[in-house]
Amino acid sequence: MSAEQTVSAEPRPEVLVRLMEMADRYRAANEIRQAIEIYFELVEDHEDSPQAKQARRCLMEIAVEYERVGGRRQARGIYERLL
């Protein structure tokens, strides 16, 4: 593969912004599992990005809401994965 064909391992910032927006839309549509999946992708694969920081906050909010409605197992799963 030539230098011109080399693909950067790090996504462009606008891609991370779009992923965050997509996760937020899933969350707003009450499609929580899809939102959680994208939030964790941002946290785990792009941990130093501003979007990862925002995704962590969103995951914590979701976990707190799970606890509030009696979903302790789901909340714990999020907390443990965030560790």
PDB file of N, CA and C in Angstrom:
ATOM      1  N   MET A   1       0.846  -1.169   0.000  1.00  0.00           N
ATOM      2  CA  MET A   1       0.000   0.000   0.000  1.00  0.00           C
ATOM      3  C   MET A   1       0.897   1.240   0.000  1.00  0.00           C
ATOM      4  N   SER A   2       0.618   2.168  -0.878  1.00  0.00           N
ATOM      5  CA  SER A   2       1.424   3.382  -0.953  1.00  0.00           C
ATOM      6  C   SER A   2       1.027   4.342   0.152  1.00  0.00           C
ATOM      7  N   ALA A   3       1.843   5.353   0.350  1.00  0.00           N
ATOM      8  CA  ALA A   3       1.568   6.359   1.372  1.00  0.00           C
ATOM      9  C   ALA A   3       0.240   7.057   1.094  1.00  0.00           C
ATOM     10  N   GLU A   4      -0.092   7.215  -0.192  1.00  0.00           N
ATOM     11  CA  GLU A   4      -1.348   7.859  -0.554  1.00  0.00           C
ATOM     12  C   GLU A   4      -2.545   6.989  -0.198  1.00  0.00           C
ATOM     13  N   GLN A   5      -2.367   5.674  -0.188  1.00  0.00           N
ATOM     14  CA  GLN A   5      -3.458   4.750   0.084  1.00  0.00           C
ATOM     15  C   GLN A   5      -3.594   4.438   1.568  1.00  0.00           C
ATOM     16  N   THR A   6      -2.636   4.824   2.363  1.00  0.00           N
ATOM     17  CA  THR A   6      -2.669   4.538   3.790  1.00  0.00           C
ATOM     18  C   THR A   6      -3.847   5.263   4.428  1.00  0.00           C
ATOM     19  N   VAL A   7      -4.607   4.514   5.183  1.00  0.00           N
ATOM     20  CA  VAL A   7      -5.762   5.080   5.858  1.00  0.00           C
ATOM     21  C   VAL A   7      -5.366   5.394   7.288  1.00  0.00           C
ATOM     22  N   SER A   8      -5.697   6.575   7.729  1.00  0.00           N
ATOM     23  CA  SER A   8      -5.380   6.975   9.091  1.00  0.00           C
ATOM     24  C   SER A   8      -6.148   6.114  10.075  1.00  0.00           C
ATOM     25  N   ALA A   9      -5.480   5.691  11.135  1.00  0.00           N
ATOM     26  CA  ALA A   9      -6.128   4.877  12.157  1.00  0.00           C
ATOM     27  C   ALA A   9      -7.065   5.717  13.006  1.00  0.00           C
ATOM     28  N   GLU A  10      -6.833   7.003  13.053  1.00  0.00           N
ATOM     29  CA  GLU A  10      -7.647   7.898  13.875  1.00  0.00           C
ATOM     30  C   GLU A  10      -8.701   8.560  12.989  1.00  0.00           C
ATOM     31  N   PRO A  11      -9.977   8.466  13.373  1.00  0.00           N
ATOM     32  CA  PRO A  11     -11.017   9.071  12.548  1.00  0.00           C
ATOM     33  C   PRO A  11     -10.939  10.592  12.599  1.00  0.00           C
ATOM     34  N   ARG A  12     -11.485  11.195  11.607  1.00  0.00           N
ATOM     35  CA  ARG A  12     -11.538  12.654  11.569  1.00  0.00           C
ATOM     36  C   ARG A  12     -12.500  13.130  12.639  1.00  0.00           C
ATOM     37  N   PRO A  13     -12.220  14.274  13.248  1.00  0.00           N
ATOM     38  CA  PRO A  13     -13.080  14.774  14.334  1.00  0.00           C
ATOM     39  C   PRO A  13     -14.551  14.877  13.956  1.00  0.00           C
ATOM     40  N   GLU A  14     -14.833  15.227  12.702  1.00  0.00           N
ATOM     41  CA  GLU A  14     -16.239  15.366  12.319  1.00  0.00           C
ATOM     42  C   GLU A  14     -16.976  14.028  12.346  1.00  0.00           C
ATOM     43  N   VAL A  15     -16.256  12.941  12.156  1.00  0.00           N
ATOM     44  CA  VAL A  15     -16.877  11.616  12.239  1.00  0.00           C
ATOM     45  C   VAL A  15     -17.290  11.341  13.681  1.00  0.00           C
ATOM     46  N   LEU A  16     -16.439  11.697  14.623  1.00  0.00           N
ATOM     47  CA  LEU A  16     -16.788  11.504  16.029  1.00  0.00           C
ATOM     48  C   LEU A  16     -17.986  12.368  16.422  1.00  0.00           C
ATOM     49  N   VAL A  17     -18.036  13.573  15.901  1.00  0.00           N
ATOM     50  CA  VAL A  17     -19.178  14.456  16.159  1.00  0.00           C
ATOM     51  C   VAL A  17     -20.446  13.816  15.624  1.00  0.00           C
ATOM     52  N   ARG A  18     -20.393  13.280  14.418  1.00  0.00           N
ATOM     53  CA  ARG A  18     -21.564  12.645  13.808  1.00  0.00           C
ATOM     54  C   ARG A  18     -22.003  11.410  14.595  1.00  0.00           C
ATOM     55  N   LEU A  19     -21.037  10.617  15.068  1.00  0.00           N
ATOM     56  CA  LEU A  19     -21.388   9.450  15.887  1.00  0.00           C
ATOM     57  C   LEU A  19     -22.092   9.881  17.172  1.00  0.00           C
ATOM     58  N   MET A  20     -21.591  10.933  17.789  1.00  0.00           N
ATOM     59  CA  MET A  20     -22.213  11.437  19.013  1.00  0.00           C
ATOM     60  C   MET A  20     -23.632  11.910  18.730  1.00  0.00           C
ATOM     61  N   GLU A  21     -23.810  12.617  17.642  1.00  0.00           N
ATOM     62  CA  GLU A  21     -25.146  13.083  17.268  1.00  0.00           C
ATOM     63  C   GLU A  21     -26.096  11.910  17.019  1.00  0.00           C
ATOM     64  N   MET A  22     -25.581  10.873  16.362  1.00  0.00           N
ATOM     65  CA  MET A  22     -26.396   9.695  16.093  1.00  0.00           C
ATOM     66  C   MET A  22     -26.817   9.020  17.395  1.00  0.00           C
ATOM     67  N   ALA A  23     -25.882   8.865  18.308  1.00  0.00           N
ATOM     68  CA  ALA A  23     -26.198   8.258  19.601  1.00  0.00           C
ATOM     69  C   ALA A  23     -27.252   9.084  20.334  1.00  0.00           C
ATOM     70  N   ASP A  24     -27.110  10.397  20.290  1.00  0.00           N
ATOM     71  CA  ASP A  24     -28.087  11.271  20.935  1.00  0.00           C
ATOM     72  C   ASP A  24     -29.472  11.132  20.312  1.00  0.00           C
ATOM     73  N   ARG A  25     -29.517  10.977  18.988  1.00  0.00           N
ATOM     74  CA  ARG A  25     -30.814  10.780  18.326  1.00  0.00           C
ATOM     75  C   ARG A  25     -31.440   9.450  18.733  1.00  0.00           C
ATOM     76  N   TYR A  26     -30.630   8.406  18.816  1.00  0.00           N
ATOM     77  CA  TYR A  26     -31.148   7.114  19.293  1.00  0.00           C
ATOM     78  C   TYR A  26     -31.715   7.264  20.702  1.00  0.00           C
ATOM     79  N   ARG A  27     -30.972   7.949  21.543  1.00  0.00           N
ATOM     80  CA  ARG A  27     -31.415   8.138  22.927  1.00  0.00           C
ATOM     81  C   ARG A  27     -32.727   8.925  22.982  1.00  0.00           C
ATOM     82  N   ALA A  28     -32.829   9.977  22.194  1.00  0.00           N
ATOM     83  CA  ALA A  28     -34.047  10.791  22.161  1.00  0.00           C
ATOM     84  C   ALA A  28     -35.244   9.989  21.650  1.00  0.00           C
ATOM     85  N   ALA A  29     -34.984   9.025  20.777  1.00  0.00           N
ATOM     86  CA  ALA A  29     -36.039   8.168  20.230  1.00  0.00           C
ATOM     87  C   ALA A  29     -36.319   6.970  21.139  1.00  0.00           C
ATOM     88  N   ASN A  30     -35.695   6.965  22.329  1.00  0.00           N
ATOM     89  CA  ASN A  30     -35.840   5.883  23.304  1.00  0.00           C
ATOM     90  C   ASN A  30     -35.316   4.540  22.781  1.00  0.00           C
ATOM     91  N   GLU A  31     -34.348   4.607  21.885  1.00  0.00           N
ATOM     92  CA  GLU A  31     -33.660   3.405  21.399  1.00  0.00           C
ATOM     93  C   GLU A  31     -32.330   3.337  22.155  1.00  0.00           C
ATOM     94  N   ILE A  32     -32.472   3.040  23.442  1.00  0.00           N
ATOM     95  CA  ILE A  32     -31.362   3.162  24.396  1.00  0.00           C
ATOM     96  C   ILE A  32     -30.220   2.196  24.091  1.00  0.00           C
ATOM     97  N   ARG A  33     -30.526   0.970  23.721  1.00  0.00           N
ATOM     98  CA  ARG A  33     -29.447   0.002  23.452  1.00  0.00           C
ATOM     99  C   ARG A  33     -28.537   0.468  22.321  1.00  0.00           C
ATOM    100  N   GLN A  34     -29.142   1.019  21.265  1.00  0.00           N
ATOM    101  CA  GLN A  34     -28.337   1.508  20.151  1.00  0.00           C
ATOM    102  C   GLN A  34     -27.490   2.699  20.594  1.00  0.00           C
ATOM    103  N   ALA A  35     -28.073   3.582  21.398  1.00  0.00           N
ATOM    104  CA  ALA A  35     -27.324   4.737  21.902  1.00  0.00           C
ATOM    105  C   ALA A  35     -26.158   4.276  22.759  1.00  0.00           C
ATOM    106  N   ILE A  36     -26.415   3.348  23.666  1.00  0.00           N
ATOM    107  CA  ILE A  36     -25.362   2.840  24.554  1.00  0.00           C
ATOM    108  C   ILE A  36     -24.219   2.237  23.743  1.00  0.00           C
ATOM    109  N   GLU A  37     -24.555   1.490  22.707  1.00  0.00           N
ATOM    110  CA  GLU A  37     -23.527   0.863  21.873  1.00  0.00           C
ATOM    111  C   GLU A  37     -22.589   1.922  21.273  1.00  0.00           C
ATOM    112  N   ILE A  38     -23.155   2.997  20.752  1.00  0.00           N
ATOM    113  CA  ILE A  38     -22.327   4.045  20.144  1.00  0.00           C
ATOM    114  C   ILE A  38     -21.558   4.812  21.213  1.00  0.00           C
ATOM    115  N   TYR A  39     -22.219   5.124  22.329  1.00  0.00           N
ATOM    116  CA  TYR A  39     -21.509   5.824  23.412  1.00  0.00           C
ATOM    117  C   TYR A  39     -20.290   5.013  23.858  1.00  0.00           C
ATOM    118  N   PHE A  40     -20.462   3.707  24.035  1.00  0.00           N
ATOM    119  CA  PHE A  40     -19.321   2.892  24.457  1.00  0.00           C
ATOM    120  C   PHE A  40     -18.243   2.827  23.383  1.00  0.00           C
ATOM    121  N   GLU A  41     -18.629   2.816  22.125  1.00  0.00           N
ATOM    122  CA  GLU A  41     -17.624   2.834  21.058  1.00  0.00           C
ATOM    123  C   GLU A  41     -16.774   4.096  21.172  1.00  0.00           C
ATOM    124  N   LEU A  42     -17.419   5.213  21.420  1.00  0.00           N
ATOM    125  CA  LEU A  42     -16.677   6.467  21.578  1.00  0.00           C
ATOM    126  C   LEU A  42     -15.765   6.420  22.800  1.00  0.00           C
ATOM    127  N   VAL A  43     -16.280   5.932  23.910  1.00  0.00           N
ATOM    128  CA  VAL A  43     -15.501   5.874  25.153  1.00  0.00           C
ATOM    129  C   VAL A  43     -14.314   4.925  25.018  1.00  0.00           C
ATOM    130  N   GLU A  44     -14.545   3.764  24.456  1.00  0.00           N
ATOM    131  CA  GLU A  44     -13.512   2.725  24.419  1.00  0.00           C
ATOM    132  C   GLU A  44     -12.503   2.915  23.286  1.00  0.00           C
ATOM    133  N   ASP A  45     -12.959   3.402  22.141  1.00  0.00           N
ATOM    134  CA  ASP A  45     -12.078   3.481  20.981  1.00  0.00           C
ATOM    135  C   ASP A  45     -11.470   4.866  20.760  1.00  0.00           C
ATOM    136  N   HIS A  46     -12.040   5.879  21.415  1.00  0.00           N
ATOM    137  CA  HIS A  46     -11.581   7.255  21.178  1.00  0.00           C
ATOM    138  C   HIS A  46     -11.517   8.005  22.504  1.00  0.00           C
ATOM    139  N   GLU A  47     -10.932   7.368  23.491  1.00  0.00           N
ATOM    140  CA  GLU A  47     -10.996   7.821  24.882  1.00  0.00           C
ATOM    141  C   GLU A  47     -10.484   9.231  25.146  1.00  0.00           C
ATOM    142  N   ASP A  48      -9.633   9.746  24.304  1.00  0.00           N
ATOM    143  CA  ASP A  48      -9.087  11.084  24.538  1.00  0.00           C
ATOM    144  C   ASP A  48      -9.865  12.193  23.830  1.00  0.00           C
ATOM    145  N   SER A  49     -10.922  11.825  23.146  1.00  0.00           N
ATOM    146  CA  SER A  49     -11.683  12.827  22.394  1.00  0.00           C
ATOM    147  C   SER A  49     -12.718  13.524  23.278  1.00  0.00           C
ATOM    148  N   PRO A  50     -13.102  14.730  22.902  1.00  0.00           N
ATOM    149  CA  PRO A  50     -14.173  15.420  23.640  1.00  0.00           C
ATOM    150  C   PRO A  50     -15.485  14.630  23.597  1.00  0.00           C
ATOM    151  N   GLN A  51     -15.705  13.915  22.504  1.00  0.00           N
ATOM    152  CA  GLN A  51     -16.929  13.131  22.377  1.00  0.00           C
ATOM    153  C   GLN A  51     -16.948  11.964  23.368  1.00  0.00           C
ATOM    154  N   ALA A  52     -15.779  11.401  23.656  1.00  0.00           N
ATOM    155  CA  ALA A  52     -15.718  10.324  24.647  1.00  0.00           C
ATOM    156  C   ALA A  52     -16.099  10.845  26.023  1.00  0.00           C
ATOM    157  N   LYS A  53     -15.629  12.037  26.346  1.00  0.00           N
ATOM    158  CA  LYS A  53     -15.981  12.643  27.633  1.00  0.00           C
ATOM    159  C   LYS A  53     -17.492  12.870  27.717  1.00  0.00           C
ATOM    160  N   GLN A  54     -18.061  13.361  26.646  1.00  0.00           N
ATOM    161  CA  GLN A  54     -19.504  13.592  26.599  1.00  0.00           C
ATOM    162  C   GLN A  54     -20.259  12.266  26.654  1.00  0.00           C
ATOM    163  N   ALA A  55     -19.763  11.256  25.963  1.00  0.00           N
ATOM    164  CA  ALA A  55     -20.406   9.941  25.961  1.00  0.00           C
ATOM    165  C   ALA A  55     -20.392   9.323  27.359  1.00  0.00           C
ATOM    166  N   ARG A  56     -19.302   9.502  28.105  1.00  0.00           N
ATOM    167  CA  ARG A  56     -19.245   9.004  29.487  1.00  0.00           C
ATOM    168  C   ARG A  56     -20.350   9.632  30.332  1.00  0.00           C
ATOM    169  N   ARG A  57     -20.526  10.939  30.178  1.00  0.00           N
ATOM    170  CA  ARG A  57     -21.599  11.625  30.922  1.00  0.00           C
ATOM    171  C   ARG A  57     -22.964  11.056  30.556  1.00  0.00           C
ATOM    172  N   CYS A  58     -23.184  10.835  29.277  1.00  0.00           N
ATOM    173  CA  CYS A  58     -24.465  10.281  28.828  1.00  0.00           C
ATOM    174  C   CYS A  58     -24.681   8.879  29.384  1.00  0.00           C
ATOM    175  N   LEU A  59     -23.636   8.065  29.379  1.00  0.00           N
ATOM    176  CA  LEU A  59     -23.752   6.711  29.925  1.00  0.00           C
ATOM    177  C   LEU A  59     -24.063   6.746  31.418  1.00  0.00           C
ATOM    178  N   MET A  60     -23.438   7.660  32.133  1.00  0.00           N
ATOM    179  CA  MET A  60     -23.738   7.801  33.560  1.00  0.00           C
ATOM    180  C   MET A  60     -25.191   8.224  33.767  1.00  0.00           C
ATOM    181  N   GLU A  61     -25.678   9.138  32.959  1.00  0.00           N
ATOM    182  CA  GLU A  61     -27.076   9.562  33.062  1.00  0.00           C
ATOM    183  C   GLU A  61     -28.026   8.399  32.799  1.00  0.00           C
ATOM    184  N   ILE A  62     -27.706   7.602  31.802  1.00  0.00           N
ATOM    185  CA  ILE A  62     -28.541   6.435  31.486  1.00  0.00           C
ATOM    186  C   ILE A  62     -28.516   5.448  32.641  1.00  0.00           C
ATOM    187  N   ALA A  63     -27.336   5.204  33.208  1.00  0.00           N
ATOM    188  CA  ALA A  63     -27.216   4.272  34.334  1.00  0.00           C
ATOM    189  C   ALA A  63     -28.020   4.761  35.533  1.00  0.00           C
ATOM    190  N   VAL A  64     -27.936   6.043  35.823  1.00  0.00           N
ATOM    191  CA  VAL A  64     -28.698   6.617  36.940  1.00  0.00           C
ATOM    192  C   VAL A  64     -30.197   6.436  36.687  1.00  0.00           C
ATOM    193  N   GLU A  65     -30.621   6.656  35.461  1.00  0.00           N
ATOM    194  CA  GLU A  65     -32.042   6.475  35.120  1.00  0.00           C
ATOM    195  C   GLU A  65     -32.451   5.006  35.276  1.00  0.00           C
ATOM    196  N   TYR A  66     -31.587   4.091  34.827  1.00  0.00           N
ATOM    197  CA  TYR A  66     -31.884   2.665  35.036  1.00  0.00           C
ATOM    198  C   TYR A  66     -32.093   2.375  36.522  1.00  0.00           C
ATOM    199  N   GLU A  67     -31.199   2.901  37.357  1.00  0.00           N
ATOM    200  CA  GLU A  67     -31.337   2.695  38.807  1.00  0.00           C
ATOM    201  C   GLU A  67     -32.660   3.256  39.329  1.00  0.00           C
ATOM    202  N   ARG A  68     -32.997   4.438  38.855  1.00  0.00           N
ATOM    203  CA  ARG A  68     -34.208   5.112  39.315  1.00  0.00           C
ATOM    204  C   ARG A  68     -35.473   4.295  39.030  1.00  0.00           C
ATOM    205  N   VAL A  69     -35.473   3.589  37.904  1.00  0.00           N
ATOM    206  CA  VAL A  69     -36.666   2.816  37.526  1.00  0.00           C
ATOM    207  C   VAL A  69     -36.543   1.329  37.883  1.00  0.00           C
ATOM    208  N   GLY A  70     -35.528   0.995  38.683  1.00  0.00           N
ATOM    209  CA  GLY A  70     -35.395  -0.382  39.146  1.00  0.00           C
ATOM    210  C   GLY A  70     -34.532  -1.287  38.283  1.00  0.00           C
ATOM    211  N   GLY A  71     -33.815  -0.722  37.336  1.00  0.00           N
ATOM    212  CA  GLY A  71     -32.943  -1.518  36.470  1.00  0.00           C
ATOM    213  C   GLY A  71     -31.527  -1.559  36.992  1.00  0.00           C
ATOM    214  N   ARG A  72     -31.378  -2.049  38.205  1.00  0.00           N
ATOM    215  CA  ARG A  72     -30.041  -2.054  38.822  1.00  0.00           C
ATOM    216  C   ARG A  72     -29.036  -2.890  38.048  1.00  0.00           C
ATOM    217  N   ARG A  73     -29.479  -4.004  37.496  1.00  0.00           N
ATOM    218  CA  ARG A  73     -28.562  -4.873  36.752  1.00  0.00           C
ATOM    219  C   ARG A  73     -28.005  -4.137  35.523  1.00  0.00           C
ATOM    220  N   GLN A  74     -28.881  -3.432  34.801  1.00  0.00           N
ATOM    221  CA  GLN A  74     -28.436  -2.683  33.629  1.00  0.00           C
ATOM    222  C   GLN A  74     -27.495  -1.547  34.053  1.00  0.00           C
ATOM    223  N   ALA A  75     -27.849  -0.865  35.142  1.00  0.00           N
ATOM    224  CA  ALA A  75     -26.993   0.223  35.632  1.00  0.00           C
ATOM    225  C   ALA A  75     -25.622  -0.313  36.014  1.00  0.00           C
ATOM    226  N   ARG A  76     -25.608  -1.418  36.712  1.00  0.00           N
ATOM    227  CA  ARG A  76     -24.330  -2.004  37.131  1.00  0.00           C
ATOM    228  C   ARG A  76     -23.483  -2.389  35.928  1.00  0.00           C
ATOM    229  N   GLY A  77     -24.112  -2.939  34.905  1.00  0.00           N
ATOM    230  CA  GLY A  77     -23.380  -3.301  33.703  1.00  0.00           C
ATOM    231  C   GLY A  77     -22.684  -2.093  33.074  1.00  0.00           C
ATOM    232  N   ILE A  78     -23.375  -0.963  33.052  1.00  0.00           N
ATOM    233  CA  ILE A  78     -22.772   0.253  32.513  1.00  0.00           C
ATOM    234  C   ILE A  78     -21.627   0.715  33.405  1.00  0.00           C
ATOM    235  N   TYR A  79     -21.876   0.766  34.716  1.00  0.00           N
ATOM    236  CA  TYR A  79     -20.828   1.202  35.646  1.00  0.00           C
ATOM    237  C   TYR A  79     -19.579   0.336  35.506  1.00  0.00           C
ATOM    238  N   GLU A  80     -19.750  -0.968  35.489  1.00  0.00           N
ATOM    239  CA  GLU A  80     -18.599  -1.872  35.407  1.00  0.00           C
ATOM    240  C   GLU A  80     -17.833  -1.695  34.106  1.00  0.00           C
ATOM    241  N   ARG A  81     -18.568  -1.513  33.032  1.00  0.00           N
ATOM    242  CA  ARG A  81     -17.891  -1.348  31.740  1.00  0.00           C
ATOM    243  C   ARG A  81     -17.148  -0.012  31.674  1.00  0.00           C
ATOM    244  N   LEU A  82     -17.655   0.987  32.369  1.00  0.00           N
ATOM    245  CA  LEU A  82     -16.973   2.290  32.408  1.00  0.00           C
ATOM    246  C   LEU A  82     -15.691   2.250  33.231  1.00  0.00           C
ATOM    247  N   LEU A  83     -15.581   1.291  34.143  1.00  0.00           N
ATOM    248  CA  LEU A  83     -14.354   1.185  34.932  1.00  0.00           C
ATOM    249  C   LEU A  83     -13.219   0.798  34.023  1.00  0.00           C
TER     250      LEU A  83
END
